[in-house]
Amino acid sequence: HGYKKLSPVNRVELSRHELKMPSMEYDTNAIWFDCEASLLVSVMPDFDAGVHALSHALLAVAPLFVPCTSADIDCDHSRHETTRIMIFDNRAGGAGITSRLWRHFFLPGI
């Protein structure tokens, strides 16, 4: 990752600069929801935007089920044959929020 400086006059590239960022990798806890993409395409006209919106909607309603703030959890999603929406704890090692959320979504025997 990096940036380039452009001339304000003619937008010609003047220089390039690389940025060295610290690693953002850490172990945490997460829950995910899988759904076949072929099933969702018919109900979501813009599939990519729909999956993205669904992942953020799950984040928005999470505080209704467990005590947390928007800084405690985050989301990610994939858009391949199987659509996976993942909600994860924002703290290294996990804060236990997704574990508590899982208890609200998982119904044994169903």
PDB file of N, CA and C in Angstrom:
ATOM      1  N   HIS A   1       0.827  -1.175   0.000  1.00  0.00           N
ATOM      2  CA  HIS A   1       0.000   0.000   0.000  1.00  0.00           C
ATOM      3  C   HIS A   1       0.874   1.242   0.000  1.00  0.00           C
ATOM      4  N   GLY A   2       0.348   2.317  -0.500  1.00  0.00           N
ATOM      5  CA  GLY A   2       1.106   3.547  -0.532  1.00  0.00           C
ATOM      6  C   GLY A   2       0.314   4.656  -1.194  1.00  0.00           C
ATOM      7  N   TYR A   3       1.041   5.666  -1.651  1.00  0.00           N
ATOM      8  CA  TYR A   3       0.386   6.777  -2.324  1.00  0.00           C
ATOM      9  C   TYR A   3       1.341   7.348  -3.367  1.00  0.00           C
ATOM     10  N   LYS A   4       0.813   8.153  -4.267  1.00  0.00           N
ATOM     11  CA  LYS A   4       1.649   8.839  -5.236  1.00  0.00           C
ATOM     12  C   LYS A   4       1.301  10.325  -5.240  1.00  0.00           C
ATOM     13  N   LYS A   5       2.314  11.141  -5.463  1.00  0.00           N
ATOM     14  CA  LYS A   5       2.118  12.592  -5.572  1.00  0.00           C
ATOM     15  C   LYS A   5       1.926  12.928  -7.041  1.00  0.00           C
ATOM     16  N   LEU A   6       0.892  13.715  -7.319  1.00  0.00           N
ATOM     17  CA  LEU A   6       0.598  14.131  -8.684  1.00  0.00           C
ATOM     18  C   LEU A   6       0.767  15.641  -8.804  1.00  0.00           C
ATOM     19  N   SER A   7       1.171  16.079  -9.965  1.00  0.00           N
ATOM     20  CA  SER A   7       1.294  17.507 -10.231  1.00  0.00           C
ATOM     21  C   SER A   7      -0.098  18.137 -10.214  1.00  0.00           C
ATOM     22  N   PRO A   8      -0.262  19.246  -9.507  1.00  0.00           N
ATOM     23  CA  PRO A   8      -1.570  19.908  -9.504  1.00  0.00           C
ATOM     24  C   PRO A   8      -1.894  20.572 -10.848  1.00  0.00           C
ATOM     25  N   VAL A   9      -0.888  20.737 -11.685  1.00  0.00           N
ATOM     26  CA  VAL A   9      -1.094  21.395 -12.967  1.00  0.00           C
ATOM     27  C   VAL A   9      -1.577  20.412 -14.026  1.00  0.00           C
ATOM     28  N   ASN A  10      -0.831  19.322 -14.228  1.00  0.00           N
ATOM     29  CA  ASN A  10      -1.180  18.402 -15.320  1.00  0.00           C
ATOM     30  C   ASN A  10      -1.417  16.961 -14.856  1.00  0.00           C
ATOM     31  N   ARG A  11      -1.461  16.731 -13.542  1.00  0.00           N
ATOM     32  CA  ARG A  11      -1.757  15.415 -12.952  1.00  0.00           C
ATOM     33  C   ARG A  11      -0.719  14.348 -13.303  1.00  0.00           C
ATOM     34  N   VAL A  12       0.498  14.771 -13.691  1.00  0.00           N
ATOM     35  CA  VAL A  12       1.589  13.838 -13.966  1.00  0.00           C
ATOM     36  C   VAL A  12       2.137  13.343 -12.632  1.00  0.00           C
ATOM     37  N   GLU A  13       2.470  12.061 -12.585  1.00  0.00           N
ATOM     38  CA  GLU A  13       3.005  11.475 -11.358  1.00  0.00           C
ATOM     39  C   GLU A  13       4.385  12.051 -11.073  1.00  0.00           C
ATOM     40  N   LEU A  14       4.548  12.610  -9.865  1.00  0.00           N
ATOM     41  CA  LEU A  14       5.826  13.183  -9.454  1.00  0.00           C
ATOM     42  C   LEU A  14       6.668  12.197  -8.660  1.00  0.00           C
ATOM     43  N   SER A  15       6.006  11.399  -7.808  1.00  0.00           N
ATOM     44  CA  SER A  15       6.729  10.412  -7.006  1.00  0.00           C
ATOM     45  C   SER A  15       5.750   9.395  -6.427  1.00  0.00           C
ATOM     46  N   ARG A  16       6.316   8.238  -5.994  1.00  0.00           N
ATOM     47  CA  ARG A  16       5.546   7.190  -5.323  1.00  0.00           C
ATOM     48  C   ARG A  16       6.165   6.928  -3.954  1.00  0.00           C
ATOM     49  N   HIS A  17       5.316   6.607  -3.002  1.00  0.00           N
ATOM     50  CA  HIS A  17       5.788   6.346  -1.642  1.00  0.00           C
ATOM     51  C   HIS A  17       5.059   5.124  -1.090  1.00  0.00           C
ATOM     52  N   GLU A  18       5.834   4.202  -0.550  1.00  0.00           N
ATOM     53  CA  GLU A  18       5.267   3.010   0.090  1.00  0.00           C
ATOM     54  C   GLU A  18       5.029   3.309   1.567  1.00  0.00           C
ATOM     55  N   LEU A  19       3.957   2.747   2.102  1.00  0.00           N
ATOM     56  CA  LEU A  19       3.662   2.867   3.527  1.00  0.00           C
ATOM     57  C   LEU A  19       3.891   1.517   4.183  1.00  0.00           C
ATOM     58  N   LYS A  20       4.536   1.521   5.301  1.00  0.00           N
ATOM     59  CA  LYS A  20       4.745   0.296   6.059  1.00  0.00           C
ATOM     60  C   LYS A  20       3.850   0.373   7.293  1.00  0.00           C
ATOM     61  N   MET A  21       2.831  -0.467   7.301  1.00  0.00           N
ATOM     62  CA  MET A  21       1.868  -0.459   8.396  1.00  0.00           C
ATOM     63  C   MET A  21       2.097  -1.681   9.286  1.00  0.00           C
ATOM     64  N   PRO A  22       1.856  -1.557  10.584  1.00  0.00           N
ATOM     65  CA  PRO A  22       1.994  -2.722  11.460  1.00  0.00           C
ATOM     66  C   PRO A  22       0.916  -3.762  11.135  1.00  0.00           C
ATOM     67  N   SER A  23       1.213  -4.988  11.429  1.00  0.00           N
ATOM     68  CA  SER A  23       0.274  -6.067  11.168  1.00  0.00           C
ATOM     69  C   SER A  23      -1.013  -5.865  11.966  1.00  0.00           C
ATOM     70  N   MET A  24      -2.147  -6.147  11.339  1.00  0.00           N
ATOM     71  CA  MET A  24      -3.447  -6.020  12.006  1.00  0.00           C
ATOM     72  C   MET A  24      -4.057  -7.402  12.233  1.00  0.00           C
ATOM     73  N   GLU A  25      -3.236  -8.407  12.297  1.00  0.00           N
ATOM     74  CA  GLU A  25      -3.729  -9.775  12.435  1.00  0.00           C
ATOM     75  C   GLU A  25      -3.757 -10.170  13.909  1.00  0.00           C
ATOM     76  N   TYR A  26      -4.876 -10.759  14.339  1.00  0.00           N
ATOM     77  CA  TYR A  26      -4.990 -11.242  15.709  1.00  0.00           C
ATOM     78  C   TYR A  26      -6.043 -12.342  15.767  1.00  0.00           C
ATOM     79  N   ASP A  27      -5.944 -13.182  16.791  1.00  0.00           N
ATOM     80  CA  ASP A  27      -6.932 -14.242  17.007  1.00  0.00           C
ATOM     81  C   ASP A  27      -8.107 -13.673  17.775  1.00  0.00           C
ATOM     82  N   THR A  28      -9.304 -14.063  17.364  1.00  0.00           N
ATOM     83  CA  THR A  28     -10.512 -13.600  18.029  1.00  0.00           C
ATOM     84  C   THR A  28     -11.608 -14.642  17.825  1.00  0.00           C
ATOM     85  N   ASN A  29     -12.806 -14.360  18.259  1.00  0.00           N
ATOM     86  CA  ASN A  29     -13.953 -15.258  18.080  1.00  0.00           C
ATOM     87  C   ASN A  29     -14.903 -14.669  17.055  1.00  0.00           C
ATOM     88  N   ALA A  30     -15.649 -15.551  16.395  1.00  0.00           N
ATOM     89  CA  ALA A  30     -16.595 -15.081  15.380  1.00  0.00           C
ATOM     90  C   ALA A  30     -17.747 -16.067  15.243  1.00  0.00           C
ATOM     91  N   ILE A  31     -18.838 -15.584  14.682  1.00  0.00           N
ATOM     92  CA  ILE A  31     -19.930 -16.457  14.235  1.00  0.00           C
ATOM     93  C   ILE A  31     -20.159 -16.122  12.770  1.00  0.00           C
ATOM     94  N   TRP A  32     -20.690 -17.081  12.016  1.00  0.00           N
ATOM     95  CA  TRP A  32     -20.979 -16.797  10.623  1.00  0.00           C
ATOM     96  C   TRP A  32     -22.261 -17.463  10.194  1.00  0.00           C
ATOM     97  N   PHE A  33     -22.831 -16.910   9.148  1.00  0.00           N
ATOM     98  CA  PHE A  33     -24.062 -17.407   8.560  1.00  0.00           C
ATOM     99  C   PHE A  33     -23.772 -17.717   7.102  1.00  0.00           C
ATOM    100  N   ASP A  34     -24.087 -18.942   6.680  1.00  0.00           N
ATOM    101  CA  ASP A  34     -23.901 -19.342   5.287  1.00  0.00           C
ATOM    102  C   ASP A  34     -25.247 -19.435   4.596  1.00  0.00           C
ATOM    103  N   CYS A  35     -25.277 -19.045   3.338  1.00  0.00           N
ATOM    104  CA  CYS A  35     -26.479 -19.178   2.520  1.00  0.00           C
ATOM    105  C   CYS A  35     -26.037 -19.352   1.080  1.00  0.00           C
ATOM    106  N   GLU A  36     -26.720 -20.185   0.357  1.00  0.00           N
ATOM    107  CA  GLU A  36     -26.393 -20.367  -1.057  1.00  0.00           C
ATOM    108  C   GLU A  36     -26.696 -19.086  -1.824  1.00  0.00           C
ATOM    109  N   ALA A  37     -25.707 -18.591  -2.538  1.00  0.00           N
ATOM    110  CA  ALA A  37     -25.868 -17.342  -3.289  1.00  0.00           C
ATOM    111  C   ALA A  37     -27.012 -17.440  -4.284  1.00  0.00           C
ATOM    112  N   SER A  38     -27.210 -18.596  -4.884  1.00  0.00           N
ATOM    113  CA  SER A  38     -28.272 -18.745  -5.883  1.00  0.00           C
ATOM    114  C   SER A  38     -29.658 -18.504  -5.275  1.00  0.00           C
ATOM    115  N   LEU A  39     -29.813 -18.750  -3.971  1.00  0.00           N
ATOM    116  CA  LEU A  39     -31.104 -18.520  -3.319  1.00  0.00           C
ATOM    117  C   LEU A  39     -31.339 -17.034  -3.046  1.00  0.00           C
ATOM    118  N   LEU A  40     -30.264 -16.277  -2.841  1.00  0.00           N
ATOM    119  CA  LEU A  40     -30.408 -14.862  -2.499  1.00  0.00           C
ATOM    120  C   LEU A  40     -30.535 -13.954  -3.715  1.00  0.00           C
ATOM    121  N   VAL A  41     -30.009 -14.373  -4.857  1.00  0.00           N
ATOM    122  CA  VAL A  41     -30.007 -13.523  -6.047  1.00  0.00           C
ATOM    123  C   VAL A  41     -31.421 -13.097  -6.442  1.00  0.00           C
ATOM    124  N   SER A  42     -32.383 -13.985  -6.298  1.00  0.00           N
ATOM    125  CA  SER A  42     -33.741 -13.658  -6.725  1.00  0.00           C
ATOM    126  C   SER A  42     -34.421 -12.617  -5.825  1.00  0.00           C
ATOM    127  N   VAL A  43     -33.990 -12.485  -4.559  1.00  0.00           N
ATOM    128  CA  VAL A  43     -34.612 -11.513  -3.654  1.00  0.00           C
ATOM    129  C   VAL A  43     -33.785 -10.248  -3.466  1.00  0.00           C
ATOM    130  N   MET A  44     -32.555 -10.232  -3.982  1.00  0.00           N
ATOM    131  CA  MET A  44     -31.693  -9.052  -3.883  1.00  0.00           C
ATOM    132  C   MET A  44     -31.275  -8.615  -5.280  1.00  0.00           C
ATOM    133  N   PRO A  45     -31.863  -7.541  -5.796  1.00  0.00           N
ATOM    134  CA  PRO A  45     -31.508  -7.095  -7.144  1.00  0.00           C
ATOM    135  C   PRO A  45     -30.016  -6.783  -7.293  1.00  0.00           C
ATOM    136  N   ASP A  46     -29.430  -6.102  -6.321  1.00  0.00           N
ATOM    137  CA  ASP A  46     -27.997  -5.841  -6.321  1.00  0.00           C
ATOM    138  C   ASP A  46     -27.391  -6.738  -5.251  1.00  0.00           C
ATOM    139  N   PHE A  47     -27.001  -7.927  -5.650  1.00  0.00           N
ATOM    140  CA  PHE A  47     -26.584  -8.973  -4.710  1.00  0.00           C
ATOM    141  C   PHE A  47     -25.459  -8.514  -3.793  1.00  0.00           C
ATOM    142  N   ASP A  48     -24.388  -7.931  -4.346  1.00  0.00           N
ATOM    143  CA  ASP A  48     -23.251  -7.519  -3.529  1.00  0.00           C
ATOM    144  C   ASP A  48     -23.656  -6.491  -2.478  1.00  0.00           C
ATOM    145  N   ALA A  49     -24.407  -5.501  -2.888  1.00  0.00           N
ATOM    146  CA  ALA A  49     -24.858  -4.471  -1.950  1.00  0.00           C
ATOM    147  C   ALA A  49     -25.814  -5.064  -0.916  1.00  0.00           C
ATOM    148  N   GLY A  50     -26.633  -6.018  -1.320  1.00  0.00           N
ATOM    149  CA  GLY A  50     -27.570  -6.648  -0.392  1.00  0.00           C
ATOM    150  C   GLY A  50     -26.874  -7.437   0.697  1.00  0.00           C
ATOM    151  N   VAL A  51     -25.852  -8.199   0.322  1.00  0.00           N
ATOM    152  CA  VAL A  51     -25.095  -8.977   1.309  1.00  0.00           C
ATOM    153  C   VAL A  51     -24.351  -8.024   2.251  1.00  0.00           C
ATOM    154  N   HIS A  52     -23.797  -6.977   1.694  1.00  0.00           N
ATOM    155  CA  HIS A  52     -23.098  -5.981   2.515  1.00  0.00           C
ATOM    156  C   HIS A  52     -24.082  -5.340   3.506  1.00  0.00           C
ATOM    157  N   ALA A  53     -25.250  -4.957   3.027  1.00  0.00           N
ATOM    158  CA  ALA A  53     -26.261  -4.345   3.892  1.00  0.00           C
ATOM    159  C   ALA A  53     -26.736  -5.316   4.970  1.00  0.00           C
ATOM    160  N   LEU A  54     -26.906  -6.583   4.600  1.00  0.00           N
ATOM    161  CA  LEU A  54     -27.330  -7.586   5.579  1.00  0.00           C
ATOM    162  C   LEU A  54     -26.304  -7.750   6.689  1.00  0.00           C
ATOM    163  N   SER A  55     -25.017  -7.751   6.349  1.00  0.00           N
ATOM    164  CA  SER A  55     -23.987  -7.895   7.382  1.00  0.00           C
ATOM    165  C   SER A  55     -24.020  -6.711   8.347  1.00  0.00           C
ATOM    166  N   HIS A  56     -24.232  -5.509   7.823  1.00  0.00           N
ATOM    167  CA  HIS A  56     -24.304  -4.339   8.708  1.00  0.00           C
ATOM    168  C   HIS A  56     -25.620  -4.283   9.481  1.00  0.00           C
ATOM    169  N   ALA A  57     -26.680  -4.819   8.914  1.00  0.00           N
ATOM    170  CA  ALA A  57     -27.946  -4.893   9.655  1.00  0.00           C
ATOM    171  C   ALA A  57     -27.804  -5.821  10.859  1.00  0.00           C
ATOM    172  N   LEU A  58     -27.093  -6.925  10.687  1.00  0.00           N
ATOM    173  CA  LEU A  58     -26.855  -7.837  11.814  1.00  0.00           C
ATOM    174  C   LEU A  58     -26.056  -7.133  12.909  1.00  0.00           C
ATOM    175  N   LEU A  59     -25.089  -6.317  12.528  1.00  0.00           N
ATOM    176  CA  LEU A  59     -24.333  -5.544  13.528  1.00  0.00           C
ATOM    177  C   LEU A  59     -25.242  -4.560  14.259  1.00  0.00           C
ATOM    178  N   ALA A  60     -26.144  -3.943  13.512  1.00  0.00           N
ATOM    179  CA  ALA A  60     -27.018  -2.930  14.104  1.00  0.00           C
ATOM    180  C   ALA A  60     -27.981  -3.516  15.133  1.00  0.00           C
ATOM    181  N   VAL A  61     -28.438  -4.750  14.924  1.00  0.00           N
ATOM    182  CA  VAL A  61     -29.394  -5.349  15.868  1.00  0.00           C
ATOM    183  C   VAL A  61     -28.718  -6.146  16.978  1.00  0.00           C
ATOM    184  N   ALA A  62     -27.420  -6.386  16.877  1.00  0.00           N
ATOM    185  CA  ALA A  62     -26.718  -7.160  17.905  1.00  0.00           C
ATOM    186  C   ALA A  62     -26.920  -6.606  19.316  1.00  0.00           C
ATOM    187  N   PRO A  63     -26.884  -5.279  19.530  1.00  0.00           N
ATOM    188  CA  PRO A  63     -27.097  -4.753  20.889  1.00  0.00           C
ATOM    189  C   PRO A  63     -28.488  -5.040  21.453  1.00  0.00           C
ATOM    190  N   LEU A  64     -29.429  -5.449  20.610  1.00  0.00           N
ATOM    191  CA  LEU A  64     -30.749  -5.837  21.125  1.00  0.00           C
ATOM    192  C   LEU A  64     -30.690  -7.195  21.829  1.00  0.00           C
ATOM    193  N   PHE A  65     -29.669  -7.976  21.528  1.00  0.00           N
ATOM    194  CA  PHE A  65     -29.545  -9.326  22.079  1.00  0.00           C
ATOM    195  C   PHE A  65     -28.495  -9.431  23.186  1.00  0.00           C
ATOM    196  N   VAL A  66     -27.404  -8.701  23.048  1.00  0.00           N
ATOM    197  CA  VAL A  66     -26.323  -8.742  24.047  1.00  0.00           C
ATOM    198  C   VAL A  66     -25.814  -7.326  24.277  1.00  0.00           C
ATOM    199  N   PRO A  67     -25.334  -7.038  25.489  1.00  0.00           N
ATOM    200  CA  PRO A  67     -24.795  -5.699  25.727  1.00  0.00           C
ATOM    201  C   PRO A  67     -23.477  -5.507  24.975  1.00  0.00           C
ATOM    202  N   CYS A  68     -23.462  -4.592  24.009  1.00  0.00           N
ATOM    203  CA  CYS A  68     -22.252  -4.292  23.252  1.00  0.00           C
ATOM    204  C   CYS A  68     -22.431  -2.956  22.543  1.00  0.00           C
ATOM    205  N   THR A  69     -21.323  -2.441  22.026  1.00  0.00           N
ATOM    206  CA  THR A  69     -21.364  -1.212  21.240  1.00  0.00           C
ATOM    207  C   THR A  69     -20.813  -1.517  19.854  1.00  0.00           C
ATOM    208  N   SER A  70     -20.897  -0.534  18.979  1.00  0.00           N
ATOM    209  CA  SER A  70     -20.392  -0.732  17.620  1.00  0.00           C
ATOM    210  C   SER A  70     -18.878  -0.918  17.600  1.00  0.00           C
ATOM    211  N   ALA A  71     -18.186  -0.508  18.652  1.00  0.00           N
ATOM    212  CA  ALA A  71     -16.736  -0.698  18.720  1.00  0.00           C
ATOM    213  C   ALA A  71     -16.361  -2.113  19.156  1.00  0.00           C
ATOM    214  N   ASP A  72     -17.308  -2.870  19.707  1.00  0.00           N
ATOM    215  CA  ASP A  72     -17.016  -4.205  20.225  1.00  0.00           C
ATOM    216  C   ASP A  72     -16.983  -5.288  19.156  1.00  0.00           C
ATOM    217  N   ILE A  73     -17.778  -5.131  18.102  1.00  0.00           N
ATOM    218  CA  ILE A  73     -17.867  -6.160  17.063  1.00  0.00           C
ATOM    219  C   ILE A  73     -17.771  -5.519  15.684  1.00  0.00           C
ATOM    220  N   ASP A  74     -17.458  -6.346  14.698  1.00  0.00           N
ATOM    221  CA  ASP A  74     -17.401  -5.874  13.317  1.00  0.00           C
ATOM    222  C   ASP A  74     -17.852  -7.011  12.415  1.00  0.00           C
ATOM    223  N   CYS A  75     -17.921  -6.759  11.110  1.00  0.00           N
ATOM    224  CA  CYS A  75     -18.416  -7.780  10.197  1.00  0.00           C
ATOM    225  C   CYS A  75     -17.567  -7.845   8.938  1.00  0.00           C
ATOM    226  N   ASP A  76     -17.711  -8.948   8.252  1.00  0.00           N
ATOM    227  CA  ASP A  76     -17.086  -9.150   6.954  1.00  0.00           C
ATOM    228  C   ASP A  76     -17.988 -10.119   6.203  1.00  0.00           C
ATOM    229  N   HIS A  77     -17.844 -10.171   4.896  1.00  0.00           N
ATOM    230  CA  HIS A  77     -18.665 -11.095   4.127  1.00  0.00           C
ATOM    231  C   HIS A  77     -17.942 -11.510   2.861  1.00  0.00           C
ATOM    232  N   SER A  78     -18.318 -12.685   2.372  1.00  0.00           N
ATOM    233  CA  SER A  78     -17.775 -13.167   1.099  1.00  0.00           C
ATOM    234  C   SER A  78     -18.926 -13.267   0.118  1.00  0.00           C
ATOM    235  N   ARG A  79     -18.613 -13.173  -1.155  1.00  0.00           N
ATOM    236  CA  ARG A  79     -19.648 -13.212  -2.180  1.00  0.00           C
ATOM    237  C   ARG A  79     -19.270 -14.238  -3.239  1.00  0.00           C
ATOM    238  N   HIS A  80     -19.217 -15.471  -2.838  1.00  0.00           N
ATOM    239  CA  HIS A  80     -18.866 -16.539  -3.763  1.00  0.00           C
ATOM    240  C   HIS A  80     -20.057 -17.485  -3.866  1.00  0.00           C
ATOM    241  N   GLU A  81     -19.828 -18.724  -4.247  1.00  0.00           N
ATOM    242  CA  GLU A  81     -20.941 -19.666  -4.382  1.00  0.00           C
ATOM    243  C   GLU A  81     -21.729 -19.780  -3.089  1.00  0.00           C
ATOM    244  N   THR A  82     -21.023 -19.884  -1.972  1.00  0.00           N
ATOM    245  CA  THR A  82     -21.689 -19.843  -0.682  1.00  0.00           C
ATOM    246  C   THR A  82     -21.410 -18.483  -0.074  1.00  0.00           C
ATOM    247  N   THR A  83     -22.456 -17.768   0.236  1.00  0.00           N
ATOM    248  CA  THR A  83     -22.304 -16.451   0.829  1.00  0.00           C
ATOM    249  C   THR A  83     -22.119 -16.627   2.322  1.00  0.00           C
ATOM    250  N   ARG A  84     -21.062 -16.070   2.844  1.00  0.00           N
ATOM    251  CA  ARG A  84     -20.782 -16.165   4.277  1.00  0.00           C
ATOM    252  C   ARG A  84     -20.735 -14.766   4.860  1.00  0.00           C
ATOM    253  N   ILE A  85     -21.568 -14.526   5.870  1.00  0.00           N
ATOM    254  CA  ILE A  85     -21.537 -13.278   6.622  1.00  0.00           C
ATOM    255  C   ILE A  85     -20.944 -13.607   7.981  1.00  0.00           C
ATOM    256  N   MET A  86     -19.893 -12.889   8.340  1.00  0.00           N
ATOM    257  CA  MET A  86     -19.183 -13.180   9.577  1.00  0.00           C
ATOM    258  C   MET A  86     -19.232 -11.965  10.494  1.00  0.00           C
ATOM    259  N   ILE A  87     -19.532 -12.220  11.769  1.00  0.00           N
ATOM    260  CA  ILE A  87     -19.489 -11.192  12.800  1.00  0.00           C
ATOM    261  C   ILE A  87     -18.409 -11.618  13.785  1.00  0.00           C
ATOM    262  N   PHE A  88     -17.491 -10.704  14.097  1.00  0.00           N
ATOM    263  CA  PHE A  88     -16.375 -11.088  14.963  1.00  0.00           C
ATOM    264  C   PHE A  88     -16.128 -10.045  16.044  1.00  0.00           C
ATOM    265  N   ASP A  89     -15.543 -10.526  17.158  1.00  0.00           N
ATOM    266  CA  ASP A  89     -15.144  -9.637  18.250  1.00  0.00           C
ATOM    267  C   ASP A  89     -13.967  -8.792  17.787  1.00  0.00           C
ATOM    268  N   ASN A  90     -13.999  -7.508  18.095  1.00  0.00           N
ATOM    269  CA  ASN A  90     -12.928  -6.601  17.690  1.00  0.00           C
ATOM    270  C   ASN A  90     -11.699  -6.662  18.581  1.00  0.00           C
ATOM    271  N   ARG A  91     -11.751  -7.406  19.656  1.00  0.00           N
ATOM    272  CA  ARG A  91     -10.612  -7.493  20.578  1.00  0.00           C
ATOM    273  C   ARG A  91      -9.826  -8.767  20.326  1.00  0.00           C
ATOM    274  N   ALA A  92      -8.508  -8.638  20.433  1.00  0.00           N
ATOM    275  CA  ALA A  92      -7.659  -9.819  20.327  1.00  0.00           C
ATOM    276  C   ALA A  92      -8.033 -10.797  21.439  1.00  0.00           C
ATOM    277  N   GLY A  93      -8.203 -12.055  21.077  1.00  0.00           N
ATOM    278  CA  GLY A  93      -8.614 -13.059  22.050  1.00  0.00           C
ATOM    279  C   GLY A  93     -10.116 -13.142  22.223  1.00  0.00           C
ATOM    280  N   GLY A  94     -10.848 -12.179  21.677  1.00  0.00           N
ATOM    281  CA  GLY A  94     -12.312 -12.176  21.777  1.00  0.00           C
ATOM    282  C   GLY A  94     -12.780 -11.574  23.085  1.00  0.00           C
ATOM    283  N   ALA A  95     -13.944 -10.956  23.042  1.00  0.00           N
ATOM    284  CA  ALA A  95     -14.532 -10.355  24.237  1.00  0.00           C
ATOM    285  C   ALA A  95     -15.733 -11.161  24.725  1.00  0.00           C
ATOM    286  N   GLY A  96     -16.076 -12.234  24.010  1.00  0.00           N
ATOM    287  CA  GLY A  96     -17.200 -13.065  24.399  1.00  0.00           C
ATOM    288  C   GLY A  96     -18.536 -12.615  23.835  1.00  0.00           C
ATOM    289  N   ILE A  97     -18.548 -11.549  23.079  1.00  0.00           N
ATOM    290  CA  ILE A  97     -19.812 -11.028  22.554  1.00  0.00           C
ATOM    291  C   ILE A  97     -20.380 -11.950  21.491  1.00  0.00           C
ATOM    292  N   THR A  98     -19.553 -12.403  20.562  1.00  0.00           N
ATOM    293  CA  THR A  98     -20.073 -13.291  19.517  1.00  0.00           C
ATOM    294  C   THR A  98     -20.491 -14.631  20.102  1.00  0.00           C
ATOM    295  N   SER A  99     -19.837 -15.066  21.163  1.00  0.00           N
ATOM    296  CA  SER A  99     -20.258 -16.306  21.831  1.00  0.00           C
ATOM    297  C   SER A  99     -21.666 -16.158  22.395  1.00  0.00           C
ATOM    298  N   ARG A 100     -21.948 -15.000  22.973  1.00  0.00           N
ATOM    299  CA  ARG A 100     -23.294 -14.754  23.505  1.00  0.00           C
ATOM    300  C   ARG A 100     -24.306 -14.571  22.390  1.00  0.00           C
ATOM    301  N   LEU A 101     -23.907 -13.942  21.287  1.00  0.00           N
ATOM    302  CA  LEU A 101     -24.809 -13.793  20.139  1.00  0.00           C
ATOM    303  C   LEU A 101     -25.177 -15.151  19.552  1.00  0.00           C
ATOM    304  N   TRP A 102     -24.200 -16.044  19.480  1.00  0.00           N
ATOM    305  CA  TRP A 102     -24.415 -17.384  18.928  1.00  0.00           C
ATOM    306  C   TRP A 102     -25.559 -18.087  19.648  1.00  0.00           C
ATOM    307  N   ARG A 103     -25.648 -17.903  20.960  1.00  0.00           N
ATOM    308  CA  ARG A 103     -26.720 -18.547  21.741  1.00  0.00           C
ATOM    309  C   ARG A 103     -28.103 -18.067  21.320  1.00  0.00           C
ATOM    310  N   HIS A 104     -28.213 -16.866  20.767  1.00  0.00           N
ATOM    311  CA  HIS A 104     -29.502 -16.338  20.313  1.00  0.00           C
ATOM    312  C   HIS A 104     -29.859 -16.850  18.904  1.00  0.00           C
ATOM    313  N   PHE A 105     -28.854 -17.143  18.094  1.00  0.00           N
ATOM    314  CA  PHE A 105     -29.111 -17.567  16.718  1.00  0.00           C
ATOM    315  C   PHE A 105     -29.179 -19.081  16.537  1.00  0.00           C
ATOM    316  N   PHE A 106     -28.457 -19.824  17.364  1.00  0.00           N
ATOM    317  CA  PHE A 106     -28.405 -21.276  17.215  1.00  0.00           C
ATOM    318  C   PHE A 106     -29.524 -21.924  18.008  1.00  0.00           C
ATOM    319  N   LEU A 107     -30.363 -22.675  17.323  1.00  0.00           N
ATOM    320  CA  LEU A 107     -31.449 -23.383  17.983  1.00  0.00           C
ATOM    321  C   LEU A 107     -31.218 -24.879  17.781  1.00  0.00           C
ATOM    322  N   PRO A 108     -30.778 -25.604  18.820  1.00  0.00           N
ATOM    323  CA  PRO A 108     -30.511 -27.038  18.664  1.00  0.00           C
ATOM    324  C   PRO A 108     -31.732 -27.796  18.171  1.00  0.00           C
ATOM    325  N   GLY A 109     -31.507 -28.729  17.287  1.00  0.00           N
ATOM    326  CA  GLY A 109     -32.589 -29.586  16.803  1.00  0.00           C
ATOM    327  C   GLY A 109     -33.403 -28.997  15.664  1.00  0.00           C
ATOM    328  N   ILE A 110     -33.068 -27.809  15.210  1.00  0.00           N
ATOM    329  CA  ILE A 110     -33.827 -27.217  14.096  1.00  0.00           C
ATOM    330  C   ILE A 110     -33.001 -27.236  12.843  1.00  0.00           C
TER     331      ILE A 110
END
